[in-house]
Amino acid sequence: MIQRCYNPKNKRYDDYGGRGITVCDQWLDNNGFDNFALWSNNNGFNDNLSIDRIDNDNIYSPENCRWINNKEQAFNRRNNYKIIFDNKEILLIELLKSLNKEDDYYTIKNRIQYELWAVEDAINIPINMTKDIYRMYIALKNEFRDKPKEYFISKKYFKDKYYFTKEVFKRIIKNNIIIQTLNELNIINEQYSLKKG
């Protein structure tokens, strides 16, 4: 709290001290830590919780603070991220909660806000995949459907048809994307592989 509110070098200062958020005198004076510790112990503190201001435009004080978990924290942030989905403005966390994806909030928010993904891609592409990996995964599913046993796909074929790079091929091998694809297609005991070339 003190670093965010009073240290201009803190990376979060602009969101706190920079916009006038302070810490109450009771938690800043000579007995500040003891007062804060006493309040914390009387208000449900444990190591899995973080401090949260009930009114995000008000100061840190006993009347305005509580201990909450990360999911609750995401709902109450001043900069909670709004998106346009189905032509409606909605909080991203509310949409993810309705899709049972609230645990992926920070990854999906980062995709939309900083990596500039389309909202649908950010939500629908598994969080362990990049766009290229996901595109390769979809391409593999399409190629493997209704193919005979021992169907070999050359890297050159994929490179020419889908414009995939060597790096993408390395990642699909490393991430077992081929095995994942076959499992999802319920293909068992069939020898599919990528042929060098």
Protein backbone atom coordinates (compact mmCIF):
# COMPACT_ATOMS: atom_id res chain seq x y z
CA MET A 1 0.00 0.00 0.00
CA ILE A 2 2.65 2.50 1.06
CA GLN A 3 4.86 1.82 -1.96
CA ARG A 4 1.97 2.16 -4.40
CA CYS A 5 0.70 5.34 -2.78
CA TYR A 6 3.94 7.20 -1.97
CA ASN A 7 6.79 5.90 -4.13
CA PRO A 8 6.73 7.45 -7.65
CA LYS A 9 9.19 4.77 -8.81
CA ASN A 10 6.71 1.98 -8.01
CA LYS A 11 5.25 0.56 -11.25
CA ARG A 12 1.71 0.89 -9.85
CA TYR A 13 2.14 4.43 -8.50
CA ASP A 14 0.17 6.07 -11.33
CA ASP A 15 -2.90 3.98 -10.45
CA TYR A 16 -2.65 4.82 -6.75
CA GLY A 17 -0.62 7.77 -5.42
CA GLY A 18 -0.60 9.34 -8.85
CA ARG A 19 -4.36 9.73 -8.75
CA GLY A 20 -4.60 10.75 -5.10
CA ILE A 21 -5.01 7.44 -3.27
CA THR A 22 -3.35 7.55 0.17
CA VAL A 23 -3.13 5.48 3.36
CA CYS A 24 -4.97 6.63 6.49
CA ASP A 25 -2.96 8.20 9.34
CA GLN A 26 -3.89 5.31 11.63
CA TRP A 27 -1.88 2.93 9.40
CA LEU A 28 0.95 5.40 8.76
CA ASP A 29 1.86 6.80 12.20
CA ASN A 30 4.47 5.36 14.59
CA ASN A 31 2.12 2.52 15.54
CA GLY A 32 0.90 2.11 11.96
CA PHE A 33 2.08 -1.43 11.40
CA ASP A 34 0.68 -2.64 14.75
CA ASN A 35 -2.66 -0.95 14.01
CA PHE A 36 -2.75 -2.48 10.55
CA ALA A 37 -1.83 -5.95 11.87
CA LEU A 38 -4.54 -5.77 14.55
CA TRP A 39 -7.14 -4.70 12.00
CA SER A 40 -6.01 -7.47 9.61
CA ASN A 41 -6.23 -10.19 12.27
CA ASN A 42 -9.72 -9.02 13.22
CA ASN A 43 -10.90 -8.94 9.61
CA GLY A 44 -10.14 -12.40 8.27
CA PHE A 45 -6.56 -12.02 7.03
CA ASN A 46 -4.76 -15.08 5.67
CA ASP A 47 -1.88 -15.57 3.24
CA ASN A 48 -4.19 -16.46 0.33
CA LEU A 49 -6.00 -13.11 0.39
CA SER A 50 -5.12 -9.62 -0.78
CA ILE A 51 -6.22 -6.23 0.51
CA ASP A 52 -8.98 -4.51 -1.43
CA ARG A 53 -10.57 -1.07 -1.23
CA ILE A 54 -14.38 -1.23 -1.25
CA ASP A 55 -14.55 2.21 -2.89
CA ASN A 56 -11.74 2.27 -5.44
CA ASP A 57 -11.65 6.06 -5.45
CA ASN A 58 -11.18 6.31 -1.67
CA ILE A 59 -8.16 5.84 0.60
CA TYR A 60 -6.78 2.77 2.34
CA SER A 61 -8.45 2.76 5.76
CA PRO A 62 -10.19 0.30 8.12
CA GLU A 63 -13.58 1.54 6.93
CA ASN A 64 -12.76 1.13 3.24
CA CYS A 65 -10.70 -2.07 3.16
CA ARG A 66 -11.26 -5.82 3.30
CA TRP A 67 -9.36 -9.04 2.61
CA ILE A 68 -10.56 -10.90 -0.49
CA ASN A 69 -9.41 -13.63 -2.86
CA ASN A 70 -8.11 -13.05 -6.40
CA LYS A 71 -11.43 -13.75 -8.13
CA GLU A 72 -13.24 -11.21 -5.96
CA GLN A 73 -10.38 -8.76 -6.49
CA ALA A 74 -10.78 -8.97 -10.26
CA PHE A 75 -14.44 -7.95 -9.97
CA ASN A 76 -13.67 -4.81 -7.96
CA ARG A 77 -10.72 -3.25 -9.79
CA ARG A 78 -11.00 0.37 -10.91
CA ASN A 79 -9.62 -0.56 -14.33
CA ASN A 80 -11.74 -3.70 -14.71
CA TYR A 81 -11.64 -4.34 -18.41
CA LYS A 82 -14.72 -3.71 -20.54
CA ILE A 83 -15.10 -5.32 -23.95
CA ILE A 84 -17.63 -5.36 -26.77
CA PHE A 85 -19.16 -8.82 -27.12
CA ASP A 86 -22.27 -9.59 -29.18
CA ASN A 87 -22.57 -5.84 -29.82
CA LYS A 88 -22.86 -5.14 -26.08
CA GLU A 89 -20.42 -3.60 -23.63
CA ILE A 90 -19.69 -6.02 -20.81
CA LEU A 91 -17.04 -6.50 -18.15
CA LEU A 92 -14.62 -9.17 -19.32
CA ILE A 93 -14.67 -10.87 -15.91
CA GLU A 94 -18.48 -11.17 -16.03
CA LEU A 95 -18.35 -12.77 -19.48
CA LEU A 96 -15.63 -15.20 -18.39
CA LYS A 97 -17.57 -16.12 -15.28
CA SER A 98 -20.59 -17.01 -17.44
CA LEU A 99 -18.29 -19.23 -19.53
CA ASN A 100 -16.56 -20.78 -16.46
CA LYS A 101 -13.28 -19.25 -17.62
CA GLU A 102 -12.71 -16.68 -14.88
CA ASP A 103 -9.44 -18.40 -13.87
CA ASP A 104 -8.07 -17.38 -17.30
CA TYR A 105 -8.95 -13.68 -16.78
CA TYR A 106 -5.42 -12.27 -16.83
CA THR A 107 -4.26 -14.28 -19.85
CA ILE A 108 -7.34 -13.37 -21.88
CA LYS A 109 -7.24 -9.71 -20.82
CA ASN A 110 -3.57 -9.53 -21.82
CA ARG A 111 -4.37 -11.06 -25.22
CA ILE A 112 -7.04 -8.43 -25.90
CA GLN A 113 -5.44 -5.37 -24.31
CA TYR A 114 -1.76 -5.76 -25.15
CA GLU A 115 -1.52 -8.37 -27.91
CA LEU A 116 -4.58 -6.92 -29.70
CA TRP A 117 -6.32 -10.23 -30.32
CA ALA A 118 -9.93 -10.26 -31.43
CA VAL A 119 -12.18 -10.88 -28.42
CA GLU A 120 -13.51 -14.17 -29.82
CA ASP A 121 -9.99 -15.50 -30.47
CA ALA A 122 -8.77 -14.43 -27.04
CA ILE A 123 -11.62 -16.29 -25.36
CA ASN A 124 -11.87 -19.36 -27.59
CA ILE A 125 -8.23 -20.24 -28.26
CA PRO A 126 -6.92 -22.44 -25.41
CA ILE A 127 -4.62 -20.47 -23.14
CA ASN A 128 -1.74 -22.89 -23.77
CA MET A 129 -1.77 -22.07 -27.51
CA THR A 130 -0.63 -19.13 -29.58
CA LYS A 131 -2.64 -18.10 -32.64
CA ASP A 132 -0.20 -19.95 -34.92
CA ILE A 133 -0.36 -23.12 -32.84
CA TYR A 134 -4.16 -22.98 -32.79
CA ARG A 135 -4.28 -22.46 -36.56
CA MET A 136 -1.99 -25.46 -36.98
CA TYR A 137 -4.18 -27.49 -34.63
CA ILE A 138 -7.30 -26.69 -36.68
CA ALA A 139 -5.43 -27.43 -39.91
CA LEU A 140 -4.29 -30.80 -38.53
CA LYS A 141 -7.84 -31.69 -37.51
CA ASN A 142 -9.06 -30.92 -41.01
CA GLU A 143 -6.23 -32.86 -42.64
CA PHE A 144 -6.52 -35.92 -40.41
CA ARG A 145 -10.27 -36.39 -40.87
CA ASP A 146 -11.16 -39.38 -43.03
CA LYS A 147 -7.59 -40.10 -44.00
CA PRO A 148 -6.25 -43.67 -44.33
CA LYS A 149 -3.87 -45.28 -41.86
CA GLU A 150 -0.24 -44.27 -42.05
CA TYR A 151 -1.12 -40.95 -43.60
CA PHE A 152 2.02 -38.85 -43.71
CA ILE A 153 1.94 -35.08 -44.02
CA SER A 154 5.05 -33.34 -45.25
CA LYS A 155 6.15 -30.10 -43.67
CA LYS A 156 6.56 -28.65 -47.15
CA TYR A 157 2.88 -29.37 -47.83
CA PHE A 158 1.85 -27.45 -44.72
CA LYS A 159 4.31 -24.68 -45.40
CA ASP A 160 2.97 -24.20 -48.94
CA LYS A 161 -0.71 -24.56 -48.03
CA TYR A 162 -0.88 -22.79 -44.67
CA TYR A 163 2.34 -20.72 -44.62
CA PHE A 164 3.63 -22.26 -41.40
CA THR A 165 7.22 -21.67 -40.36
CA LYS A 166 9.81 -24.07 -38.95
CA GLU A 167 9.30 -22.51 -35.52
CA VAL A 168 5.60 -23.42 -35.58
CA PHE A 169 6.44 -27.02 -36.44
CA LYS A 170 8.91 -27.17 -33.57
CA ARG A 171 6.24 -25.90 -31.19
CA ILE A 172 3.56 -28.33 -32.32
CA ILE A 173 5.97 -31.23 -31.72
CA LYS A 174 7.03 -29.83 -28.34
CA ASN A 175 3.41 -29.24 -27.25
CA ASN A 176 2.14 -32.62 -28.49
CA ILE A 177 -0.44 -30.90 -30.69
CA ILE A 178 -0.58 -33.90 -33.05
CA ILE A 179 -1.41 -36.29 -30.20
CA GLN A 180 -3.98 -33.86 -28.80
CA THR A 181 -5.60 -33.56 -32.23
CA LEU A 182 -5.83 -37.33 -32.71
CA ASN A 183 -7.26 -37.82 -29.24
CA GLU A 184 -9.96 -35.22 -29.89
CA LEU A 185 -10.84 -36.92 -33.16
CA ASN A 186 -11.06 -40.26 -31.31
CA ILE A 187 -8.44 -41.73 -33.64
CA ILE A 188 -6.81 -44.72 -31.97
CA ASN A 189 -3.98 -46.96 -33.19
CA GLU A 190 -3.52 -45.04 -36.40
CA GLN A 191 -0.03 -43.98 -37.41
CA TYR A 192 -0.12 -40.34 -38.34
CA SER A 193 2.99 -38.25 -38.40
CA LEU A 194 4.72 -35.29 -39.95
CA LYS A 195 7.25 -36.29 -42.56
CA LYS A 196 10.44 -34.29 -42.84
CA GLY A 197 10.86 -32.24 -45.95
